[in-house]
Amino acid sequence: ELGVSTTTVSNVIHGKTKKISDETVKRVQALLEEKKYIPNMAGIH
């Protein structure tokens, strides 16, 4: 939806945003909240 890579979204979720522009981080965070993203606990474990 945002036209970014899955790696970018994953990095924002995990707080690894050093190499990602502030604007992109904000866009990803906003859409995660809007869509009510819930991490898959099976994947985390």
ModelCIF file with pLDDT and N, C-alpha, C, O atoms, coordinates in Angstrom:
data_MODEL
#
_entry.id   MODEL 
#
_entity.id                         1 
_entity.type                       polymer 
_entity.pdbx_number_of_molecules   1 
#
_entity_poly.entity_id                      1 
_entity_poly.type                           'polypeptide(L)' 
_entity_poly.nstd_linkage                   no 
_entity_poly.nstd_monomer                   no 
_entity_poly.pdbx_seq_one_letter_code       ELGVSTTTVSNVIHGKTKKISDETVKRVQALLEEKKYIPNMAGIH 
_entity_poly.pdbx_seq_one_letter_code_can   ELGVSTTTVSNVIHGKTKKISDETVKRVQALLEEKKYIPNMAGIH 
_entity_poly.pdbx_strand_id                 A 
#
loop_
_entity_poly_seq.entity_id 
_entity_poly_seq.num 
_entity_poly_seq.mon_id 
_entity_poly_seq.hetero 
1 1  GLU n 
1 2  LEU n 
1 3  GLY n 
1 4  VAL n 
1 5  SER n 
1 6  THR n 
1 7  THR n 
1 8  THR n 
1 9  VAL n 
1 10 SER n 
1 11 ASN n 
1 12 VAL n 
1 13 ILE n 
1 14 HIS n 
1 15 GLY n 
1 16 LYS n 
1 17 THR n 
1 18 LYS n 
1 19 LYS n 
1 20 ILE n 
1 21 SER n 
1 22 ASP n 
1 23 GLU n 
1 24 THR n 
1 25 VAL n 
1 26 LYS n 
1 27 ARG n 
1 28 VAL n 
1 29 GLN n 
1 30 ALA n 
1 31 LEU n 
1 32 LEU n 
1 33 GLU n 
1 34 GLU n 
1 35 LYS n 
1 36 LYS n 
1 37 TYR n 
1 38 ILE n 
1 39 PRO n 
1 40 ASN n 
1 41 MET n 
1 42 ALA n 
1 43 GLY n 
1 44 ILE n 
1 45 HIS n 
#
_struct_asym.id          A 
_struct_asym.entity_id   1 
#
loop_
_ma_qa_metric.id 
_ma_qa_metric.mode 
_ma_qa_metric.name 
_ma_qa_metric.software_group_id 
_ma_qa_metric.type 
1 global pLDDT . pLDDT 
2 local  pLDDT . pLDDT 
#
_ma_qa_metric_global.metric_id      1 
_ma_qa_metric_global.metric_value   91.64 
_ma_qa_metric_global.model_id       1 
_ma_qa_metric_global.ordinal_id     1 
#
loop_
_ma_qa_metric_local.label_asym_id 
_ma_qa_metric_local.label_comp_id 
_ma_qa_metric_local.label_seq_id 
_ma_qa_metric_local.metric_id 
_ma_qa_metric_local.metric_value 
_ma_qa_metric_local.model_id 
_ma_qa_metric_local.ordinal_id 
A GLU 1  2 97.00 1 1  
A LEU 2  2 98.00 1 2  
A GLY 3  2 98.00 1 3  
A VAL 4  2 98.00 1 4  
A SER 5  2 98.00 1 5  
A THR 6  2 97.00 1 6  
A THR 7  2 97.00 1 7  
A THR 8  2 98.00 1 8  
A VAL 9  2 97.00 1 9  
A SER 10 2 96.00 1 10 
A ASN 11 2 97.00 1 11 
A VAL 12 2 97.00 1 12 
A ILE 13 2 95.00 1 13 
A HIS 14 2 94.00 1 14 
A GLY 15 2 95.00 1 15 
A LYS 16 2 96.00 1 16 
A THR 17 2 96.00 1 17 
A LYS 18 2 96.00 1 18 
A LYS 19 2 95.00 1 19 
A ILE 20 2 97.00 1 20 
A SER 21 2 98.00 1 21 
A ASP 22 2 98.00 1 22 
A GLU 23 2 98.00 1 23 
A THR 24 2 98.00 1 24 
A VAL 25 2 98.00 1 25 
A LYS 26 2 98.00 1 26 
A ARG 27 2 98.00 1 27 
A VAL 28 2 98.00 1 28 
A GLN 29 2 97.00 1 29 
A ALA 30 2 98.00 1 30 
A LEU 31 2 98.00 1 31 
A LEU 32 2 97.00 1 32 
A GLU 33 2 96.00 1 33 
A GLU 34 2 96.00 1 34 
A LYS 35 2 95.00 1 35 
A LYS 36 2 93.00 1 36 
A TYR 37 2 93.00 1 37 
A ILE 38 2 89.00 1 38 
A PRO 39 2 85.00 1 39 
A ASN 40 2 77.00 1 40 
A MET 41 2 71.00 1 41 
A ALA 42 2 64.00 1 42 
A GLY 43 2 58.00 1 43 
A ILE 44 2 52.00 1 44 
A HIS 45 2 49.00 1 45 
#
loop_
_atom_site.group_PDB 
_atom_site.id 
_atom_site.type_symbol 
_atom_site.label_atom_id 
_atom_site.label_alt_id 
_atom_site.label_comp_id 
_atom_site.label_asym_id 
_atom_site.label_entity_id 
_atom_site.label_seq_id 
_atom_site.pdbx_PDB_ins_code 
_atom_site.Cartn_x 
_atom_site.Cartn_y 
_atom_site.Cartn_z 
_atom_site.occupancy 
_atom_site.B_iso_or_equiv 
_atom_site.pdbx_formal_charge 
_atom_site.auth_seq_id 
_atom_site.auth_comp_id 
_atom_site.auth_asym_id 
_atom_site.auth_atom_id 
_atom_site.pdbx_PDB_model_num 
ATOM 1   N N  . GLU A 1 1  ? 0.821  -1.221  0.000  1.00 97.00 ? 1  GLU A N  1 
ATOM 2   C CA . GLU A 1 1  ? 0.000  0.000   0.000  1.00 97.00 ? 1  GLU A CA 1 
ATOM 3   C C  . GLU A 1 1  ? 0.853  1.268   0.000  1.00 97.00 ? 1  GLU A C  1 
ATOM 4   O O  . GLU A 1 1  ? 0.480  2.271   -0.609 1.00 97.00 ? 1  GLU A O  1 
ATOM 5   N N  . LEU A 1 2  ? 1.999  1.221   0.684  1.00 98.00 ? 2  LEU A N  1 
ATOM 6   C CA . LEU A 1 2  ? 2.862  2.401   0.779  1.00 98.00 ? 2  LEU A CA 1 
ATOM 7   C C  . LEU A 1 2  ? 3.933  2.459   -0.304 1.00 98.00 ? 2  LEU A C  1 
ATOM 8   O O  . LEU A 1 2  ? 4.586  3.487   -0.479 1.00 98.00 ? 2  LEU A O  1 
ATOM 9   N N  . GLY A 1 3  ? 4.114  1.355   -1.032 1.00 98.00 ? 3  GLY A N  1 
ATOM 10  C CA . GLY A 1 3  ? 5.145  1.328   -2.068 1.00 98.00 ? 3  GLY A CA 1 
ATOM 11  C C  . GLY A 1 3  ? 6.551  1.236   -1.489 1.00 98.00 ? 3  GLY A C  1 
ATOM 12  O O  . GLY A 1 3  ? 7.499  1.788   -2.049 1.00 98.00 ? 3  GLY A O  1 
ATOM 13  N N  . VAL A 1 4  ? 6.681  0.536   -0.363 1.00 98.00 ? 4  VAL A N  1 
ATOM 14  C CA . VAL A 1 4  ? 7.990  0.325   0.260  1.00 98.00 ? 4  VAL A CA 1 
ATOM 15  C C  . VAL A 1 4  ? 8.208  -1.187  0.369  1.00 98.00 ? 4  VAL A C  1 
ATOM 16  O O  . VAL A 1 4  ? 7.303  -1.972  0.083  1.00 98.00 ? 4  VAL A O  1 
ATOM 17  N N  . SER A 1 5  ? 9.394  -1.582  0.777  1.00 98.00 ? 5  SER A N  1 
ATOM 18  C CA . SER A 1 5  ? 9.690  -3.003  0.907  1.00 98.00 ? 5  SER A CA 1 
ATOM 19  C C  . SER A 1 5  ? 9.147  -3.558  2.226  1.00 98.00 ? 5  SER A C  1 
ATOM 20  O O  . SER A 1 5  ? 8.889  -2.818  3.175  1.00 98.00 ? 5  SER A O  1 
ATOM 21  N N  . THR A 1 6  ? 8.983  -4.886  2.254  1.00 97.00 ? 6  THR A N  1 
ATOM 22  C CA . THR A 1 6  ? 8.569  -5.534  3.494  1.00 97.00 ? 6  THR A CA 1 
ATOM 23  C C  . THR A 1 6  ? 9.657  -5.372  4.551  1.00 97.00 ? 6  THR A C  1 
ATOM 24  O O  . THR A 1 6  ? 9.364  -5.317  5.745  1.00 97.00 ? 6  THR A O  1 
ATOM 25  N N  . THR A 1 7  ? 10.910 -5.296  4.114  1.00 97.00 ? 7  THR A N  1 
ATOM 26  C CA . THR A 1 7  ? 12.020 -5.084  5.046  1.00 97.00 ? 7  THR A CA 1 
ATOM 27  C C  . THR A 1 7  ? 11.878 -3.731  5.742  1.00 97.00 ? 7  THR A C  1 
ATOM 28  O O  . THR A 1 7  ? 12.116 -3.621  6.945  1.00 97.00 ? 7  THR A O  1 
ATOM 29  N N  . THR A 1 8  ? 11.497 -2.717  4.997  1.00 98.00 ? 8  THR A N  1 
ATOM 30  C CA . THR A 1 8  ? 11.305 -1.386  5.578  1.00 98.00 ? 8  THR A CA 1 
ATOM 31  C C  . THR A 1 8  ? 10.219 -1.423  6.644  1.00 98.00 ? 8  THR A C  1 
ATOM 32  O O  . THR A 1 8  ? 10.405 -0.889  7.738  1.00 98.00 ? 8  THR A O  1 
ATOM 33  N N  . VAL A 1 9  ? 9.093  -2.045  6.336  1.00 97.00 ? 9  VAL A N  1 
ATOM 34  C CA . VAL A 1 9  ? 7.990  -2.131  7.306  1.00 97.00 ? 9  VAL A CA 1 
ATOM 35  C C  . VAL A 1 9  ? 8.444  -2.901  8.541  1.00 97.00 ? 9  VAL A C  1 
ATOM 36  O O  . VAL A 1 9  ? 8.186  -2.475  9.667  1.00 97.00 ? 9  VAL A O  1 
ATOM 37  N N  . SER A 1 10 ? 9.117  -4.031  8.340  1.00 96.00 ? 10 SER A N  1 
ATOM 38  C CA . SER A 1 10 ? 9.605  -4.832  9.453  1.00 96.00 ? 10 SER A CA 1 
ATOM 39  C C  . SER A 1 10 ? 10.579 -4.043  10.319 1.00 96.00 ? 10 SER A C  1 
ATOM 40  O O  . SER A 1 10 ? 10.511 -4.102  11.547 1.00 96.00 ? 10 SER A O  1 
ATOM 41  N N  . ASN A 1 11 ? 11.478 -3.312  9.686  1.00 97.00 ? 11 ASN A N  1 
ATOM 42  C CA . ASN A 1 11 ? 12.441 -2.507  10.435 1.00 97.00 ? 11 ASN A CA 1 
ATOM 43  C C  . ASN A 1 11 ? 11.754 -1.434  11.268 1.00 97.00 ? 11 ASN A C  1 
ATOM 44  O O  . ASN A 1 11 ? 12.167 -1.176  12.398 1.00 97.00 ? 11 ASN A O  1 
ATOM 45  N N  . VAL A 1 12 ? 10.720 -0.807  10.735 1.00 97.00 ? 12 VAL A N  1 
ATOM 46  C CA . VAL A 1 12 ? 9.974  0.198   11.495 1.00 97.00 ? 12 VAL A CA 1 
ATOM 47  C C  . VAL A 1 12 ? 9.298  -0.470  12.700 1.00 97.00 ? 12 VAL A C  1 
ATOM 48  O O  . VAL A 1 12 ? 9.333  0.065   13.807 1.00 97.00 ? 12 VAL A O  1 
ATOM 49  N N  . ILE A 1 13 ? 8.693  -1.623  12.484 1.00 95.00 ? 13 ILE A N  1 
ATOM 50  C CA . ILE A 1 13 ? 8.018  -2.342  13.572 1.00 95.00 ? 13 ILE A CA 1 
ATOM 51  C C  . ILE A 1 13 ? 8.997  -2.654  14.696 1.00 95.00 ? 13 ILE A C  1 
ATOM 52  O O  . ILE A 1 13 ? 8.650  -2.565  15.873 1.00 95.00 ? 13 ILE A O  1 
ATOM 53  N N  . HIS A 1 14 ? 10.234 -3.023  14.324 1.00 94.00 ? 14 HIS A N  1 
ATOM 54  C CA . HIS A 1 14 ? 11.229 -3.422  15.321 1.00 94.00 ? 14 HIS A CA 1 
ATOM 55  C C  . HIS A 1 14 ? 12.133 -2.273  15.778 1.00 94.00 ? 14 HIS A C  1 
ATOM 56  O O  . HIS A 1 14 ? 13.104 -2.491  16.502 1.00 94.00 ? 14 HIS A O  1 
ATOM 57  N N  . GLY A 1 15 ? 11.805 -1.047  15.349 1.00 95.00 ? 15 GLY A N  1 
ATOM 58  C CA . GLY A 1 15 ? 12.544 0.125   15.815 1.00 95.00 ? 15 GLY A CA 1 
ATOM 59  C C  . GLY A 1 15 ? 13.909 0.316   15.186 1.00 95.00 ? 15 GLY A C  1 
ATOM 60  O O  . GLY A 1 15 ? 14.728 1.077   15.702 1.00 95.00 ? 15 GLY A O  1 
ATOM 61  N N  . LYS A 1 16 ? 14.166 -0.361  14.083 1.00 96.00 ? 16 LYS A N  1 
ATOM 62  C CA . LYS A 1 16 ? 15.455 -0.238  13.387 1.00 96.00 ? 16 LYS A CA 1 
ATOM 63  C C  . LYS A 1 16 ? 15.304 0.789   12.269 1.00 96.00 ? 16 LYS A C  1 
ATOM 64  O O  . LYS A 1 16 ? 15.232 0.439   11.091 1.00 96.00 ? 16 LYS A O  1 
ATOM 65  N N  . THR A 1 17 ? 15.257 2.055   12.658 1.00 96.00 ? 17 THR A N  1 
ATOM 66  C CA . THR A 1 17 ? 14.897 3.100   11.698 1.00 96.00 ? 17 THR A CA 1 
ATOM 67  C C  . THR A 1 17 ? 16.050 4.043   11.338 1.00 96.00 ? 17 THR A C  1 
ATOM 68  O O  . THR A 1 17 ? 15.827 5.078   10.710 1.00 96.00 ? 17 THR A O  1 
ATOM 69  N N  . LYS A 1 18 ? 17.261 3.699   11.725 1.00 96.00 ? 18 LYS A N  1 
ATOM 70  C CA . LYS A 1 18 ? 18.406 4.572   11.457 1.00 96.00 ? 18 LYS A CA 1 
ATOM 71  C C  . LYS A 1 18 ? 18.552 4.936   9.987  1.00 96.00 ? 18 LYS A C  1 
ATOM 72  O O  . LYS A 1 18 ? 18.858 6.081   9.654  1.00 96.00 ? 18 LYS A O  1 
ATOM 73  N N  . LYS A 1 19 ? 18.332 3.955   9.101  1.00 95.00 ? 19 LYS A N  1 
ATOM 74  C CA . LYS A 1 19 ? 18.560 4.156   7.669  1.00 95.00 ? 19 LYS A CA 1 
ATOM 75  C C  . LYS A 1 19 ? 17.277 4.473   6.896  1.00 95.00 ? 19 LYS A C  1 
ATOM 76  O O  . LYS A 1 19 ? 17.269 4.457   5.665  1.00 95.00 ? 19 LYS A O  1 
ATOM 77  N N  . ILE A 1 20 ? 16.188 4.760   7.626  1.00 97.00 ? 20 ILE A N  1 
ATOM 78  C CA . ILE A 1 20 ? 14.900 5.041   6.993  1.00 97.00 ? 20 ILE A CA 1 
ATOM 79  C C  . ILE A 1 20 ? 14.536 6.494   7.269  1.00 97.00 ? 20 ILE A C  1 
ATOM 80  O O  . ILE A 1 20 ? 14.689 6.978   8.391  1.00 97.00 ? 20 ILE A O  1 
ATOM 81  N N  . SER A 1 21 ? 14.055 7.185   6.244  1.00 98.00 ? 21 SER A N  1 
ATOM 82  C CA . SER A 1 21 ? 13.721 8.597   6.431  1.00 98.00 ? 21 SER A CA 1 
ATOM 83  C C  . SER A 1 21 ? 12.599 8.749   7.447  1.00 98.00 ? 21 SER A C  1 
ATOM 84  O O  . SER A 1 21 ? 11.743 7.876   7.588  1.00 98.00 ? 21 SER A O  1 
ATOM 85  N N  . ASP A 1 22 ? 12.620 9.881   8.153  1.00 98.00 ? 22 ASP A N  1 
ATOM 86  C CA . ASP A 1 22 ? 11.591 10.174  9.155  1.00 98.00 ? 22 ASP A CA 1 
ATOM 87  C C  . ASP A 1 22 ? 10.199 10.145  8.527  1.00 98.00 ? 22 ASP A C  1 
ATOM 88  O O  . ASP A 1 22 ? 9.241  9.673   9.140  1.00 98.00 ? 22 ASP A O  1 
ATOM 89  N N  . GLU A 1 23 ? 10.098 10.654  7.301  1.00 98.00 ? 23 GLU A N  1 
ATOM 90  C CA . GLU A 1 23 ? 8.812  10.695  6.613  1.00 98.00 ? 23 GLU A CA 1 
ATOM 91  C C  . GLU A 1 23 ? 8.281  9.276   6.370  1.00 98.00 ? 23 GLU A C  1 
ATOM 92  O O  . GLU A 1 23 ? 7.097  9.009   6.576  1.00 98.00 ? 23 GLU A O  1 
ATOM 93  N N  . THR A 1 24 ? 9.149  8.386   5.937  1.00 98.00 ? 24 THR A N  1 
ATOM 94  C CA . THR A 1 24 ? 8.731  7.001   5.690  1.00 98.00 ? 24 THR A CA 1 
ATOM 95  C C  . THR A 1 24 ? 8.336  6.315   6.984  1.00 98.00 ? 24 THR A C  1 
ATOM 96  O O  . THR A 1 24 ? 7.335  5.600   7.025  1.00 98.00 ? 24 THR A O  1 
ATOM 97  N N  . VAL A 1 25 ? 9.108  6.523   8.040  1.00 98.00 ? 25 VAL A N  1 
ATOM 98  C CA . VAL A 1 25 ? 8.783  5.935   9.348  1.00 98.00 ? 25 VAL A CA 1 
ATOM 99  C C  . VAL A 1 25 ? 7.395  6.387   9.782  1.00 98.00 ? 25 VAL A C  1 
ATOM 100 O O  . VAL A 1 25 ? 6.589  5.575   10.235 1.00 98.00 ? 25 VAL A O  1 
ATOM 101 N N  . LYS A 1 26 ? 7.115  7.674   9.646  1.00 98.00 ? 26 LYS A N  1 
ATOM 102 C CA . LYS A 1 26 ? 5.812  8.210   10.052 1.00 98.00 ? 26 LYS A CA 1 
ATOM 103 C C  . LYS A 1 26 ? 4.687  7.612   9.217  1.00 98.00 ? 26 LYS A C  1 
ATOM 104 O O  . LYS A 1 26 ? 3.627  7.284   9.750  1.00 98.00 ? 26 LYS A O  1 
ATOM 105 N N  . ARG A 1 27 ? 4.913  7.465   7.893  1.00 98.00 ? 27 ARG A N  1 
ATOM 106 C CA . ARG A 1 27 ? 3.892  6.896   7.005  1.00 98.00 ? 27 ARG A CA 1 
ATOM 107 C C  . ARG A 1 27 ? 3.599  5.449   7.384  1.00 98.00 ? 27 ARG A C  1 
ATOM 108 O O  . ARG A 1 27 ? 2.440  5.039   7.448  1.00 98.00 ? 27 ARG A O  1 
ATOM 109 N N  . VAL A 1 28 ? 4.660  4.675   7.634  1.00 98.00 ? 28 VAL A N  1 
ATOM 110 C CA . VAL A 1 28 ? 4.487  3.267   8.006  1.00 98.00 ? 28 VAL A CA 1 
ATOM 111 C C  . VAL A 1 28 ? 3.763  3.167   9.345  1.00 98.00 ? 28 VAL A C  1 
ATOM 112 O O  . VAL A 1 28 ? 2.806  2.404   9.474  1.00 98.00 ? 28 VAL A O  1 
ATOM 113 N N  . GLN A 1 29 ? 4.207  3.926   10.340 1.00 97.00 ? 29 GLN A N  1 
ATOM 114 C CA . GLN A 1 29 ? 3.576  3.884   11.665 1.00 97.00 ? 29 GLN A CA 1 
ATOM 115 C C  . GLN A 1 29 ? 2.105  4.272   11.588 1.00 97.00 ? 29 GLN A C  1 
ATOM 116 O O  . GLN A 1 29 ? 1.260  3.652   12.234 1.00 97.00 ? 29 GLN A O  1 
ATOM 117 N N  . ALA A 1 30 ? 1.806  5.288   10.803 1.00 98.00 ? 30 ALA A N  1 
ATOM 118 C CA . ALA A 1 30 ? 0.421  5.746   10.684 1.00 98.00 ? 30 ALA A CA 1 
ATOM 119 C C  . ALA A 1 30 ? -0.460 4.655   10.074 1.00 98.00 ? 30 ALA A C  1 
ATOM 120 O O  . ALA A 1 30 ? -1.570 4.416   10.549 1.00 98.00 ? 30 ALA A O  1 
ATOM 121 N N  . LEU A 1 31 ? 0.031  3.996   9.025  1.00 98.00 ? 31 LEU A N  1 
ATOM 122 C CA . LEU A 1 31 ? -0.773 2.958   8.384  1.00 98.00 ? 31 LEU A CA 1 
ATOM 123 C C  . LEU A 1 31 ? -0.895 1.719   9.275  1.00 98.00 ? 31 LEU A C  1 
ATOM 124 O O  . LEU A 1 31 ? -1.940 1.069   9.294  1.00 98.00 ? 31 LEU A O  1 
ATOM 125 N N  . LEU A 1 32 ? 0.166  1.393   10.007 1.00 97.00 ? 32 LEU A N  1 
ATOM 126 C CA . LEU A 1 32 ? 0.087  0.270   10.958 1.00 97.00 ? 32 LEU A CA 1 
ATOM 127 C C  . LEU A 1 32 ? -1.015 0.522   11.979 1.00 97.00 ? 32 LEU A C  1 
ATOM 128 O O  . LEU A 1 32 ? -1.790 -0.379  12.299 1.00 97.00 ? 32 LEU A O  1 
ATOM 129 N N  . GLU A 1 33 ? -1.081 1.741   12.485 1.00 96.00 ? 33 GLU A N  1 
ATOM 130 C CA . GLU A 1 33 ? -2.118 2.094   13.461 1.00 96.00 ? 33 GLU A CA 1 
ATOM 131 C C  . GLU A 1 33 ? -3.500 2.090   12.816 1.00 96.00 ? 33 GLU A C  1 
ATOM 132 O O  . GLU A 1 33 ? -4.458 1.559   13.377 1.00 96.00 ? 33 GLU A O  1 
ATOM 133 N N  . GLU A 1 34 ? -3.589 2.688   11.635 1.00 96.00 ? 34 GLU A N  1 
ATOM 134 C CA . GLU A 1 34 ? -4.872 2.778   10.932 1.00 96.00 ? 34 GLU A CA 1 
ATOM 135 C C  . GLU A 1 34 ? -5.445 1.387   10.644 1.00 96.00 ? 34 GLU A C  1 
ATOM 136 O O  . GLU A 1 34 ? -6.644 1.155   10.798 1.00 96.00 ? 34 GLU A O  1 
ATOM 137 N N  . LYS A 1 35 ? -4.577 0.473   10.227 1.00 95.00 ? 35 LYS A N  1 
ATOM 138 C CA . LYS A 1 35 ? -5.019 -0.883  9.880  1.00 95.00 ? 35 LYS A CA 1 
ATOM 139 C C  . LYS A 1 35 ? -5.069 -1.809  11.090 1.00 95.00 ? 35 LYS A C  1 
ATOM 140 O O  . LYS A 1 35 ? -5.441 -2.977  10.971 1.00 95.00 ? 35 LYS A O  1 
ATOM 141 N N  . LYS A 1 36 ? -4.690 -1.279  12.262 1.00 93.00 ? 36 LYS A N  1 
ATOM 142 C CA . LYS A 1 36 ? -4.683 -2.051  13.511 1.00 93.00 ? 36 LYS A CA 1 
ATOM 143 C C  . LYS A 1 36 ? -3.829 -3.313  13.373 1.00 93.00 ? 36 LYS A C  1 
ATOM 144 O O  . LYS A 1 36 ? -4.272 -4.417  13.688 1.00 93.00 ? 36 LYS A O  1 
ATOM 145 N N  . TYR A 1 37 ? -2.601 -3.125  12.898 1.00 93.00 ? 37 TYR A N  1 
ATOM 146 C CA . TYR A 1 37 ? -1.677 -4.244  12.705 1.00 93.00 ? 37 TYR A CA 1 
ATOM 147 C C  . TYR A 1 37 ? -1.356 -4.913  14.037 1.00 93.00 ? 37 TYR A C  1 
ATOM 148 O O  . TYR A 1 37 ? -1.021 -4.239  15.012 1.00 93.00 ? 37 TYR A O  1 
ATOM 149 N N  . ILE A 1 38 ? -1.459 -6.233  14.076 1.00 89.00 ? 38 ILE A N  1 
ATOM 150 C CA . ILE A 1 38 ? -1.114 -7.023  15.257 1.00 89.00 ? 38 ILE A CA 1 
ATOM 151 C C  . ILE A 1 38 ? -0.052 -8.026  14.825 1.00 89.00 ? 38 ILE A C  1 
ATOM 152 O O  . ILE A 1 38 ? -0.293 -8.821  13.916 1.00 89.00 ? 38 ILE A O  1 
ATOM 153 N N  . PRO A 1 39 ? 1.127  -8.005  15.464 1.00 85.00 ? 39 PRO A N  1 
ATOM 154 C CA . PRO A 1 39 ? 2.179  -8.957  15.083 1.00 85.00 ? 39 PRO A CA 1 
ATOM 155 C C  . PRO A 1 39 ? 1.726  -10.401 15.284 1.00 85.00 ? 39 PRO A C  1 
ATOM 156 O O  . PRO A 1 39 ? 0.985  -10.710 16.217 1.00 85.00 ? 39 PRO A O  1 
ATOM 157 N N  . ASN A 1 40 ? 2.181  -11.269 14.400 1.00 77.00 ? 40 ASN A N  1 
ATOM 158 C CA . ASN A 1 40 ? 1.901  -12.701 14.499 1.00 77.00 ? 40 ASN A CA 1 
ATOM 159 C C  . ASN A 1 40 ? 2.831  -13.286 15.548 1.00 77.00 ? 40 ASN A C  1 
ATOM 160 O O  . ASN A 1 40 ? 4.039  -13.375 15.327 1.00 77.00 ? 40 ASN A O  1 
ATOM 161 N N  . MET A 1 41 ? 2.283  -13.684 16.679 1.00 71.00 ? 41 MET A N  1 
ATOM 162 C CA . MET A 1 41 ? 3.103  -14.180 17.787 1.00 71.00 ? 41 MET A CA 1 
ATOM 163 C C  . MET A 1 41 ? 3.859  -15.451 17.415 1.00 71.00 ? 41 MET A C  1 
ATOM 164 O O  . MET A 1 41 ? 4.951  -15.682 17.934 1.00 71.00 ? 41 MET A O  1 
ATOM 165 N N  . ALA A 1 42 ? 3.314  -16.271 16.542 1.00 64.00 ? 42 ALA A N  1 
ATOM 166 C CA . ALA A 1 42 ? 4.006  -17.491 16.111 1.00 64.00 ? 42 ALA A CA 1 
ATOM 167 C C  . ALA A 1 42 ? 5.297  -17.117 15.395 1.00 64.00 ? 42 ALA A C  1 
ATOM 168 O O  . ALA A 1 42 ? 6.323  -17.774 15.571 1.00 64.00 ? 42 ALA A O  1 
ATOM 169 N N  . GLY A 1 43 ? 5.247  -16.080 14.601 1.00 58.00 ? 43 GLY A N  1 
ATOM 170 C CA . GLY A 1 43 ? 6.441  -15.627 13.895 1.00 58.00 ? 43 GLY A CA 1 
ATOM 171 C C  . GLY A 1 43 ? 7.481  -15.049 14.836 1.00 58.00 ? 43 GLY A C  1 
ATOM 172 O O  . GLY A 1 43 ? 8.680  -15.241 14.633 1.00 58.00 ? 43 GLY A O  1 
ATOM 173 N N  . ILE A 1 44 ? 7.038  -14.350 15.852 1.00 52.00 ? 44 ILE A N  1 
ATOM 174 C CA . ILE A 1 44 ? 7.957  -13.764 16.821 1.00 52.00 ? 44 ILE A CA 1 
ATOM 175 C C  . ILE A 1 44 ? 8.656  -14.865 17.604 1.00 52.00 ? 44 ILE A C  1 
ATOM 176 O O  . ILE A 1 44 ? 9.867  -14.810 17.814 1.00 52.00 ? 44 ILE A O  1 
ATOM 177 N N  . HIS A 1 45 ? 7.893  -15.867 18.037 1.00 49.00 ? 45 HIS A N  1 
ATOM 178 C CA . HIS A 1 45 ? 8.473  -16.953 18.820 1.00 49.00 ? 45 HIS A CA 1 
ATOM 179 C C  . HIS A 1 45 ? 9.397  -17.826 17.985 1.00 49.00 ? 45 HIS A C  1 
ATOM 180 O O  . HIS A 1 45 ? 9.967  -18.789 18.499 1.00 49.00 ? 45 HIS A O  1 
#
